[in-house]
Every structure is written in structure tokens, then in C-alpha cells.
Amino acid sequence: MSKQRNAIVTGSSKGIGAAVAQRLAADGFAVVVNYAHGREAADKVVQSIEAAGGRAVAIAADLGDPSGMAALFDAAEAALGTIDLLVNNAGMMRLGAIAETEDEAFEQQVALNVGGVFRGLREGAKRLADGGRIVNFSSSVVGLCQPGYGVYAATKAAVEALTRVLSKELGGRGITVNAVAPGPVATELFLGDKSEEQVAAIARMNPFGRIGAPDDIAGVVAFLATAEAGWVNGQVIRVNGGMN
């Protein structure tokens, strides 16, 4: 009988994170569905996984808080055992021109998007099983450099740098560290403040004439979690349909 594989997916109560948690569960992982606020949404993801025959547990942790990631690992290990896969998905985006961005908006994004990922990598480097996997979330805006995305893009560029460095630091343990960088995806976060005309205009920028779906991203994360992806390390994969 093969060993149960255990995964933490941060920020997985909705959107891309929820799709990743559901896909990993379908692939045989026991999954920690992490959330900061809104237990009800996380419970729904857990229920959907269990209804499909998988195993999941919802665990609250504010990853913008310096103590949040260690507490999440503690709770995850208590519930499931040693963690084999960490998906650093949790993040926030507050758009605005650099000249108009207040300190609060800057500091909140840095605290979660960089601080949360850094602490996840630090805990993962110490606590993941040998041969494990880490998948971080960057964004295709790092390459697009669009106006209004300055701080957000900067935080994701930091994630890409951390990804490449840690991949070299953990190679001796057989742990791969990669990042996925989605383009626009049909989630509540992306669609919430945009008109139908704006969404249609963004879709036309893509060679396929559409924006992404959460499952488009989840499939790539699922691949990076497999044994077949063991030679993929220190990479940033732009998952955007060619919207480069």
C-alpha cells in the first residue's frame, strides 16, 4: 500500500486555491484547505472533496501574520502527519498607480505576498518530507508590467527570486521548488471590479480569445506535484494561454 501524500494549499477556500485543493485531492492527496477568514467557504471545499471520496481538513491561519505559517504547519502535521507538498497560493492584490499607493496598501501586499510565501518556504524547507514538492504562485503581470500593478508585480517578482534560490538550497533532499504564474483567471478576485466590457477586452488580448479558468491552473500545479515532474526545478511556468 502506497504512503498517503499530504498537501497544504494556502488560501484555498475559493478561486484558484479551491480548484487546486480539489484537483490534488482527486489525485490522491490528503489536503489542508487553508483560509484566513470565512470558515463556511473552506468547509464547502472540504465537503466537496469528501463527497468525491477524498480527504481534507480546513485550517484557519492568517499568513500575513508572522506566526501564521508555523501555526498552520503545526496544525496540518497534527491532523495529517508529515507534509509532502506545499502550495503557496494565498495572496492579495490592491491595484493603483505607484504615485498614489498608500503605505498601508504597500505593506499589506508585502506582508502576505512576500512575507507569507517566505515563511512558507522557511517552514517547508525544514519540515517537508524528502522528495517533496513546493509550488509557489507568481503572476504573469511580472512580465507584462502593466500600469497600476507596480506593488503587486514587485511582490510576485520577489516570489520568483525566492523560488529559484530555494530550489538550489533544497536540491540535496530531492525537493523541487517551482512557481506558476497565471494570467487573468475567472475568479471572484479578478471579476469583482470589472465590467463585462473590460473582461471581454482582456479576453481579446489572449490568442485563445478567453480568460483562464481555475482548472487551467490547477492542472499545472497537479503536474508539478507528480513524480514525473521531478526534473522540473527552479522554474517559473507562465500559465496564461500565450498572453505574454
Foldseek 3Di string as FASTA:
>chain_A
DDDAAEEEQAPQLFFLNLLLQLVVQVVRHAYEREDADDVPSSVVSQVVSVVVPGHYDYDYFDLLDLCGQVVVCVVRCVVPNFHQEYELDDFDADWDAPVPDDPVRLSSRCSRLAVSVVVNLVCCLVGHAQLGEYEYEAAPCLVVVDGRRVSNSVSSVNVLVVQLVVLVVRVVRLYAGEYEHEYAEPTCNRPVPDDPVVLQVVLCLAPVSHWHYSNLVSVVVSVCRDPVVSVPHSYYHYSTNPSD
